[in-house]
């Protein structure tokens, strides 16, 4: 799978079947769509592709009201690997892109930029300046520019369709099981291990620290609080631990979200390595403590509860 930041150069363009969307979570609904893209591409001798945006358009227009991110861009791309998608096009959502008319969006990006011959979007999809274009606009422009337009299939969990919004709601209330069902896999986040202030080590609970949002991003993660977890990619088997994802209100005021994970019985140097942290059950919300002693006692209790959840001896 090849990833493009922006449109490919003219010599790199291939006629493609493309799905357009944010694909936050790459959940079962997205996966069903991806299978249709791949099947349509193979039947028409096209390249199966995804067109997505960074940041989320709603994050660009109104950061405070933007949807929380289920996955980082890195994790989104990782989740697409092995799906049959051969190309992922990531367009920077900025003022220039936001100002394109629906017609120019289709002509400049889909037709000339990507050589799209088969396109699928959700029925609620809007595009172009002031969200003026919709599914029917795309159908009309498809006839003009000679590409097929296909509606995105809906996959249901219970009485409602699986969606990124429902997964965000499940994660917000700590319902990992429901989120996992709709994702079709265990929920996890990954990131490079950063050098921190060594506070966890001083408290007796050394942690690996990971940034799960772009630096200086105004986005927020879909999951916060303290969880029982397992870390992948650092040993032959997953390593159990307890993780907190939040803004560290007791010790910091910089407002950046970090994922801090204390791994049980593991003491190797992991700086600059990519570690995947899988979430199992929520223990509590993030909380500001009055002292480091209170924080130390809370972490000790969190560790005990995480071990119980994960079936380890306390």
Protein backbone atom coordinates (compact mmCIF):
# COMPACT_ATOMS: atom_id res chain seq x y z
CA UNK A 1 0.00 0.00 0.00
CA UNK A 2 1.34 3.40 -1.01
CA UNK A 3 0.52 6.56 0.96
CA UNK A 4 0.42 9.99 -0.72
CA UNK A 5 0.45 13.29 1.15
CA UNK A 6 -1.52 15.32 -1.35
CA UNK A 7 -2.34 14.49 -4.95
CA UNK A 8 0.05 12.27 -6.89
CA UNK A 9 2.25 13.72 -9.59
CA UNK A 10 0.77 13.39 -13.10
CA UNK A 11 3.13 10.55 -13.98
CA UNK A 12 2.05 8.63 -10.82
CA UNK A 13 -1.70 8.83 -11.42
CA UNK A 14 -3.68 5.64 -12.02
CA UNK A 15 -7.33 5.20 -12.92
CA UNK A 16 -8.91 4.30 -9.61
CA UNK A 17 -11.94 3.25 -7.64
CA UNK A 18 -11.95 5.54 -4.62
CA UNK A 19 -13.84 5.84 -1.34
CA UNK A 20 -13.99 9.33 0.17
CA UNK A 21 -14.27 9.94 3.90
CA UNK A 22 -12.50 10.43 7.21
CA UNK A 23 -12.52 6.73 8.11
CA UNK A 24 -11.96 7.46 11.80
CA UNK A 25 -11.79 4.05 13.46
CA UNK A 26 -11.76 2.03 10.22
CA UNK A 27 -14.74 0.20 11.77
CA UNK A 28 -16.88 -2.64 10.40
CA UNK A 29 -18.90 -0.22 8.27
CA UNK A 30 -15.71 1.18 6.75
CA UNK A 31 -14.38 -2.34 6.24
CA UNK A 32 -17.52 -3.34 4.31
CA UNK A 33 -17.09 -0.26 2.15
CA UNK A 34 -13.44 -1.05 1.55
CA UNK A 35 -14.34 -4.55 0.37
CA UNK A 36 -16.76 -3.01 -2.15
CA UNK A 37 -14.06 -0.61 -3.37
CA UNK A 38 -11.60 -3.46 -3.84
CA UNK A 39 -14.18 -5.64 -5.63
CA UNK A 40 -15.26 -2.77 -7.89
CA UNK A 41 -11.64 -1.93 -8.69
CA UNK A 42 -10.72 -5.50 -9.59
CA UNK A 43 -13.84 -5.92 -11.75
CA UNK A 44 -12.98 -2.75 -13.68
CA UNK A 45 -9.17 -3.10 -13.74
CA UNK A 46 -8.80 -0.02 -11.53
CA UNK A 47 -6.58 0.80 -8.56
CA UNK A 48 -8.48 0.55 -5.21
CA UNK A 49 -7.91 3.77 -3.26
CA UNK A 50 -8.97 5.84 -0.23
CA UNK A 51 -9.20 9.64 -0.16
CA UNK A 52 -9.15 11.11 3.34
CA UNK A 53 -8.43 14.45 5.00
CA UNK A 54 -6.15 15.78 7.73
CA UNK A 55 -7.29 17.41 9.91
CA UNK A 56 -10.96 16.44 10.07
CA UNK A 57 -12.93 19.20 8.26
CA UNK A 58 -14.95 19.92 11.40
CA UNK A 59 -11.70 20.30 13.33
CA UNK A 60 -10.56 22.88 10.78
CA UNK A 61 -13.74 24.95 10.94
CA UNK A 62 -14.50 24.69 14.67
CA UNK A 63 -11.81 22.93 16.75
CA UNK A 64 -13.75 23.16 20.02
CA UNK A 65 -16.72 21.30 18.49
CA UNK A 66 -14.73 18.81 16.42
CA UNK A 67 -15.37 15.09 16.96
CA UNK A 68 -12.88 13.36 19.23
CA UNK A 69 -10.35 11.24 17.35
CA UNK A 70 -10.71 7.47 17.61
CA UNK A 71 -7.43 6.87 15.80
CA UNK A 72 -4.39 8.92 14.97
CA UNK A 73 -3.55 9.32 11.28
CA UNK A 74 -0.75 6.78 11.73
CA UNK A 75 -3.13 4.21 13.25
CA UNK A 76 -5.72 4.87 10.54
CA UNK A 77 -3.18 4.09 7.84
CA UNK A 78 -2.01 1.00 9.74
CA UNK A 79 -5.62 -0.24 9.99
CA UNK A 80 -5.97 0.02 6.21
CA UNK A 81 -2.97 -2.21 5.54
CA UNK A 82 -3.89 -5.67 4.34
CA UNK A 83 -7.39 -4.55 3.32
CA UNK A 84 -6.70 -4.66 -0.41
CA UNK A 85 -6.47 -0.87 -0.69
CA UNK A 86 -3.41 -0.06 -2.77
CA UNK A 87 -3.30 3.72 -2.38
CA UNK A 88 -4.21 6.15 0.39
CA UNK A 89 -4.42 9.82 -0.56
CA UNK A 90 -4.25 12.22 2.41
CA UNK A 91 -5.28 15.76 1.54
CA UNK A 92 -4.51 18.63 3.89
CA UNK A 93 -7.83 20.23 4.76
CA UNK A 94 -7.12 23.96 4.64
CA UNK A 95 -8.70 27.18 3.44
CA UNK A 96 -7.87 26.41 -0.17
CA UNK A 97 -9.54 23.01 -0.09
CA UNK A 98 -12.49 24.30 1.92
CA UNK A 99 -13.16 27.05 -0.64
CA UNK A 100 -13.45 24.74 -3.67
CA UNK A 101 -16.89 24.63 -5.24
CA UNK A 102 -18.45 21.17 -5.57
CA UNK A 103 -17.74 21.29 -9.30
CA UNK A 104 -14.06 22.19 -8.81
CA UNK A 105 -13.71 19.60 -6.04
CA UNK A 106 -14.78 16.93 -8.48
CA UNK A 107 -12.94 18.26 -11.53
CA UNK A 108 -9.66 19.26 -9.86
CA UNK A 109 -9.34 16.53 -7.23
CA UNK A 110 -11.29 13.47 -8.32
CA UNK A 111 -11.12 13.63 -12.10
CA UNK A 112 -7.85 15.39 -12.89
CA UNK A 113 -5.99 14.74 -9.64
CA UNK A 114 -6.89 11.10 -9.01
CA UNK A 115 -8.32 9.82 -12.31
CA UNK A 116 -11.34 8.51 -10.39
CA UNK A 117 -13.55 6.17 -12.42
CA UNK A 118 -15.67 4.74 -9.58
CA UNK A 119 -16.49 6.71 -6.41
CA UNK A 120 -18.30 5.82 -3.20
CA UNK A 121 -19.36 8.05 -0.31
CA UNK A 122 -21.90 7.96 2.49
CA UNK A 123 -25.41 9.15 1.70
CA UNK A 124 -24.89 12.04 4.15
CA UNK A 125 -21.62 13.07 2.51
CA UNK A 126 -21.24 16.81 1.76
CA UNK A 127 -18.39 18.45 -0.09
CA UNK A 128 -17.32 21.76 -1.56
CA UNK A 129 -17.55 25.28 -0.18
CA UNK A 130 -20.27 25.66 2.48
CA UNK A 131 -20.96 21.92 2.13
CA UNK A 132 -22.99 22.75 -0.97
CA UNK A 133 -22.43 19.40 -2.68
CA UNK A 134 -24.14 16.18 -1.63
CA UNK A 135 -24.55 12.61 -2.89
CA UNK A 136 -26.94 13.68 -5.65
CA UNK A 137 -24.55 16.45 -6.75
CA UNK A 138 -21.83 13.84 -7.02
CA UNK A 139 -24.09 11.57 -9.08
CA UNK A 140 -24.85 14.41 -11.51
CA UNK A 141 -21.16 15.32 -11.83
CA UNK A 142 -20.31 11.65 -12.28
CA UNK A 143 -22.49 11.59 -15.38
CA UNK A 144 -20.76 14.69 -16.70
CA UNK A 145 -17.23 13.44 -16.03
CA UNK A 146 -17.94 9.77 -16.75
CA UNK A 147 -17.35 8.07 -13.41
CA UNK A 148 -19.69 5.76 -11.47
CA UNK A 149 -21.08 6.81 -8.08
CA UNK A 150 -21.97 4.18 -5.48
CA UNK A 151 -23.67 4.70 -2.08
CA UNK A 152 -21.83 3.51 1.01
CA UNK A 153 -23.39 0.37 2.56
CA UNK A 154 -24.66 0.48 6.15
CA UNK A 155 -23.67 -2.15 8.70
CA UNK A 156 -25.81 -2.41 11.84
CA UNK A 157 -25.06 -3.18 15.48
CA UNK A 158 -28.36 -3.50 17.30
CA UNK A 159 -30.97 -1.19 15.82
CA UNK A 160 -28.56 1.50 14.61
CA UNK A 161 -25.88 1.63 11.96
CA UNK A 162 -22.28 1.30 13.03
CA UNK A 163 -20.63 4.71 12.88
CA UNK A 164 -17.63 6.59 14.19
CA UNK A 165 -20.01 8.63 16.35
CA UNK A 166 -21.36 5.52 18.10
CA UNK A 167 -17.84 4.26 18.73
CA UNK A 168 -16.86 7.62 20.22
CA UNK A 169 -19.88 7.43 22.51
CA UNK A 170 -18.97 3.88 23.61
CA UNK A 171 -15.37 4.87 24.34
CA UNK A 172 -16.48 7.98 26.22
CA UNK A 173 -18.56 5.89 28.63
CA UNK A 174 -15.82 3.28 29.00
CA UNK A 175 -17.68 0.58 27.07
CA UNK A 176 -14.66 -1.01 25.42
CA UNK A 177 -16.59 -4.19 24.53
CA UNK A 178 -19.14 -2.32 22.39
CA UNK A 179 -16.41 -0.28 20.74
CA UNK A 180 -14.46 -3.46 19.97
CA UNK A 181 -17.53 -5.09 18.41
CA UNK A 182 -18.14 -2.14 16.09
CA UNK A 183 -14.45 -1.85 15.25
CA UNK A 184 -14.13 -5.55 14.50
CA UNK A 185 -10.91 -5.68 16.54
CA UNK A 186 -9.53 -4.68 19.94
CA UNK A 187 -9.21 -0.92 20.39
CA UNK A 188 -5.64 0.29 20.58
CA UNK A 189 -3.46 3.34 20.02
CA UNK A 190 0.16 3.53 19.01
CA UNK A 191 2.90 6.10 19.00
CA UNK A 192 6.60 6.71 19.39
CA UNK A 193 7.92 6.53 22.94
CA UNK A 194 9.05 9.99 24.04
CA UNK A 195 11.52 11.23 26.62
CA UNK A 196 9.56 12.55 29.59
CA UNK A 197 10.25 14.21 32.93
CA UNK A 198 10.89 10.88 34.70
CA UNK A 199 8.18 11.68 37.27
CA UNK A 200 6.73 8.18 37.07
CA UNK A 201 10.13 6.72 37.87
CA UNK A 202 10.45 9.02 40.90
CA UNK A 203 7.01 7.88 42.09
CA UNK A 204 8.03 4.23 41.75
CA UNK A 205 5.96 3.62 38.60
CA UNK A 206 8.09 4.28 35.51
CA UNK A 207 6.04 4.90 32.39
CA UNK A 208 6.45 5.03 28.64
CA UNK A 209 5.05 8.28 27.29
CA UNK A 210 3.46 8.58 23.87
CA UNK A 211 1.89 11.46 21.96
CA UNK A 212 -1.34 10.26 20.35
CA UNK A 213 -2.27 13.50 18.59
CA UNK A 214 -0.21 15.72 16.28
CA UNK A 215 1.94 18.31 18.12
CA UNK A 216 -0.01 21.49 18.87
CA UNK A 217 -3.22 19.84 17.69
CA UNK A 218 -6.46 21.21 19.07
CA UNK A 219 -8.09 17.80 18.71
CA UNK A 220 -8.96 15.53 21.62
CA UNK A 221 -8.81 11.76 21.86
CA UNK A 222 -11.97 9.66 21.99
CA UNK A 223 -10.70 7.87 25.11
CA UNK A 224 -9.43 9.35 28.38
CA UNK A 225 -8.88 8.05 31.88
CA UNK A 226 -7.08 5.08 33.42
CA UNK A 227 -7.23 1.61 31.85
CA UNK A 228 -5.95 -1.93 32.13
CA UNK A 229 -3.89 -2.47 28.97
CA UNK A 230 -1.49 -4.69 27.08
CA UNK A 231 1.43 -3.33 25.06
CA UNK A 232 2.37 -4.92 21.74
CA UNK A 233 5.50 -4.76 19.65
CA UNK A 234 8.13 -4.75 22.41
CA UNK A 235 8.46 -8.41 23.34
CA UNK A 236 7.52 -11.85 21.95
CA UNK A 237 4.25 -11.63 23.90
CA UNK A 238 2.06 -8.68 24.94
CA UNK A 239 3.16 -6.95 28.16
CA UNK A 240 0.41 -6.13 30.68
CA UNK A 241 0.19 -2.73 32.29
CA UNK A 242 -1.92 0.21 33.42
CA UNK A 243 -2.25 3.34 31.30
CA UNK A 244 -3.55 6.85 31.72
CA UNK A 245 -4.52 8.97 28.77
CA UNK A 246 -5.12 12.62 29.57
CA UNK A 247 -3.53 15.97 30.35
CA UNK A 248 -1.77 15.06 33.64
CA UNK A 249 -3.55 17.77 35.67
CA UNK A 250 -1.66 17.00 38.89
CA UNK A 251 1.79 17.67 37.47
CA UNK A 252 1.36 19.68 34.24
CA UNK A 253 -0.58 22.59 32.82
CA UNK A 254 0.53 22.45 29.17
CA UNK A 255 -2.81 20.98 28.06
CA UNK A 256 -1.34 18.31 25.76
CA UNK A 257 -2.86 14.84 25.79
CA UNK A 258 -0.39 12.05 26.51
CA UNK A 259 -0.67 8.30 26.83
CA UNK A 260 1.40 7.15 29.83
CA UNK A 261 1.74 3.41 30.39
CA UNK A 262 3.31 1.61 33.33
CA UNK A 263 4.34 -1.87 32.19
CA UNK A 264 4.41 -4.66 34.75
CA UNK A 265 7.77 -6.40 35.19
CA UNK A 266 9.34 -4.75 32.16
CA UNK A 267 12.34 -2.43 32.42
CA UNK A 268 13.92 -2.13 28.96
CA UNK A 269 14.64 1.17 27.21
CA UNK A 270 11.90 1.83 24.62
CA UNK A 271 12.68 5.43 23.64
CA UNK A 272 11.86 6.23 19.98
CA UNK A 273 10.22 2.83 19.42
CA UNK A 274 6.65 2.49 18.18
CA UNK A 275 4.50 0.75 20.80
CA UNK A 276 0.87 -0.30 20.35
CA UNK A 277 -1.25 -0.10 23.51
CA UNK A 278 -4.42 -2.21 23.61
CA UNK A 279 -7.20 -1.12 26.00
CA UNK A 280 -9.14 -3.72 28.03
CA UNK A 281 -11.23 -2.04 30.74
CA UNK A 282 -11.62 1.39 32.28
CA UNK A 283 -10.57 1.76 35.91
CA UNK A 284 -11.42 5.41 36.56
CA UNK A 285 -11.52 8.91 35.07
CA UNK A 286 -8.45 11.11 35.13
CA UNK A 287 -8.32 13.18 38.32
CA UNK A 288 -6.28 16.03 39.77
CA UNK A 289 -4.74 15.10 43.11
CA UNK A 290 -3.73 17.47 45.87
CA UNK A 291 -0.23 16.03 46.24
CA UNK A 292 2.24 13.62 44.69
CA UNK A 293 1.64 11.27 47.64
CA UNK A 294 -2.05 11.09 46.74
CA UNK A 295 -1.08 10.47 43.13
CA UNK A 296 1.33 7.68 44.15
CA UNK A 297 -1.37 5.98 46.24
CA UNK A 298 -3.88 6.22 43.37
CA UNK A 299 -1.43 4.71 40.89
CA UNK A 300 -0.73 1.83 43.28
CA UNK A 301 -4.47 1.16 43.51
CA UNK A 302 -4.83 1.46 39.71
CA UNK A 303 -2.05 -1.10 39.28
CA UNK A 304 -3.77 -3.54 41.63
CA UNK A 305 -7.11 -3.20 39.81
CA UNK A 306 -5.47 -3.55 36.39
CA UNK A 307 -3.78 -6.77 37.45
CA UNK A 308 -7.12 -8.15 38.67
CA UNK A 309 -8.79 -7.25 35.37
CA UNK A 310 -5.99 -8.85 33.37
CA UNK A 311 -5.97 -12.02 35.48
CA UNK A 312 -2.55 -11.45 37.06
CA UNK A 313 -1.55 -12.14 40.63
CA UNK A 314 -1.70 -9.01 42.79
